[in-house]
Amino acid sequence: MSEETPTKDKFWLYVGGAVFSLLLVIAMVKQSENEKFAPIKQQLEEEAAQMNIRVLN
């Protein structure tokens, strides 16, 4: 008779790796969007600063 050595199930390791990879991709896309819209955000902040002038009578 041959005895089979039990192998450890790596299912949760694969699930953890897939979740980590997905979170990494989402973070990279979010960072890319932040970099892409940075000039627009800066322009809006400048316009808001220019419009924040108080007129004294």
C-alpha atoms as a PDB file:
ATOM      1  CA  MET A   1       0.000   0.000   0.000  1.00  0.00           C
ATOM      2  CA  SER A   2       1.140   3.529  -0.698  1.00  0.00           C
ATOM      3  CA  GLU A   3       0.591   6.313   1.741  1.00  0.00           C
ATOM      4  CA  GLU A   4      -0.245   9.718   0.358  1.00  0.00           C
ATOM      5  CA  THR A   5       1.136  12.673   2.229  1.00  0.00           C
ATOM      6  CA  PRO A   6      -1.568  15.270   2.784  1.00  0.00           C
ATOM      7  CA  THR A   7      -0.895  18.522   0.960  1.00  0.00           C
ATOM      8  CA  LYS A   8      -1.927  21.802   2.434  1.00  0.00           C
ATOM      9  CA  ASP A   9      -4.792  23.543   0.658  1.00  0.00           C
ATOM     10  CA  LYS A  10      -3.644  26.888  -0.738  1.00  0.00           C
ATOM     11  CA  PHE A  11      -7.109  28.218  -1.591  1.00  0.00           C
ATOM     12  CA  TRP A  12      -7.032  31.058   0.938  1.00  0.00           C
ATOM     13  CA  LEU A  13      -3.527  31.986  -0.144  1.00  0.00           C
ATOM     14  CA  TYR A  14      -4.764  32.371  -3.721  1.00  0.00           C
ATOM     15  CA  VAL A  15      -7.819  34.343  -2.595  1.00  0.00           C
ATOM     16  CA  GLY A  16      -5.632  36.654  -0.505  1.00  0.00           C
ATOM     17  CA  GLY A  17      -3.261  37.182  -3.426  1.00  0.00           C
ATOM     18  CA  ALA A  18      -6.140  37.975  -5.781  1.00  0.00           C
ATOM     19  CA  VAL A  19      -7.687  40.456  -3.323  1.00  0.00           C
ATOM     20  CA  PHE A  20      -4.316  42.134  -2.747  1.00  0.00           C
ATOM     21  CA  SER A  21      -3.726  42.409  -6.491  1.00  0.00           C
ATOM     22  CA  LEU A  22      -7.179  43.897  -7.039  1.00  0.00           C
ATOM     23  CA  LEU A  23      -6.646  46.489  -4.296  1.00  0.00           C
ATOM     24  CA  LEU A  24      -3.262  47.376  -5.757  1.00  0.00           C
ATOM     25  CA  VAL A  25      -4.768  47.931  -9.219  1.00  0.00           C
ATOM     26  CA  ILE A  26      -7.567  50.086  -7.779  1.00  0.00           C
ATOM     27  CA  ALA A  27      -5.032  52.204  -5.852  1.00  0.00           C
ATOM     28  CA  MET A  28      -2.909  52.694  -8.964  1.00  0.00           C
ATOM     29  CA  VAL A  29      -5.919  53.776 -11.039  1.00  0.00           C
ATOM     30  CA  LYS A  30      -7.032  56.177  -8.303  1.00  0.00           C
ATOM     31  CA  GLN A  31      -3.549  57.717  -8.116  1.00  0.00           C
ATOM     32  CA  SER A  32      -3.494  58.096 -11.894  1.00  0.00           C
ATOM     33  CA  GLU A  33      -6.831  59.924 -11.806  1.00  0.00           C
ATOM     34  CA  ASN A  34      -5.573  62.250  -9.065  1.00  0.00           C
ATOM     35  CA  GLU A  35      -2.507  63.122 -11.146  1.00  0.00           C
ATOM     36  CA  LYS A  36      -4.602  63.651 -14.265  1.00  0.00           C
ATOM     37  CA  PHE A  37      -7.045  66.069 -12.630  1.00  0.00           C
ATOM     38  CA  ALA A  38      -4.490  67.943 -10.492  1.00  0.00           C
ATOM     39  CA  PRO A  39      -4.176  70.915 -12.895  1.00  0.00           C
ATOM     40  CA  ILE A  40      -7.957  71.287 -13.051  1.00  0.00           C
ATOM     41  CA  LYS A  41      -8.211  71.180  -9.261  1.00  0.00           C
ATOM     42  CA  GLN A  42      -5.486  73.816  -8.956  1.00  0.00           C
ATOM     43  CA  GLN A  43      -7.289  76.050 -11.454  1.00  0.00           C
ATOM     44  CA  LEU A  44     -10.557  75.730  -9.541  1.00  0.00           C
ATOM     45  CA  GLU A  45      -8.800  76.625  -6.278  1.00  0.00           C
ATOM     46  CA  GLU A  46      -7.251  79.696  -7.910  1.00  0.00           C
ATOM     47  CA  GLU A  47     -10.625  80.796  -9.270  1.00  0.00           C
ATOM     48  CA  ALA A  48     -12.214  80.338  -5.849  1.00  0.00           C
ATOM     49  CA  ALA A  49      -9.435  82.415  -4.268  1.00  0.00           C
ATOM     50  CA  GLN A  50      -9.992  85.187  -6.824  1.00  0.00           C
ATOM     51  CA  MET A  51     -13.742  85.169  -6.237  1.00  0.00           C
ATOM     52  CA  ASN A  52     -13.237  85.429  -2.471  1.00  0.00           C
ATOM     53  CA  ILE A  53     -12.687  89.174  -2.558  1.00  0.00           C
ATOM     54  CA  ARG A  54     -14.716  91.153  -0.100  1.00  0.00           C
ATOM     55  CA  VAL A  55     -16.080  94.479  -1.228  1.00  0.00           C
ATOM     56  CA  LEU A  56     -16.136  97.074   1.519  1.00  0.00           C
ATOM     57  CA  ASN A  57     -18.398 100.108   1.168  1.00  0.00           C
END
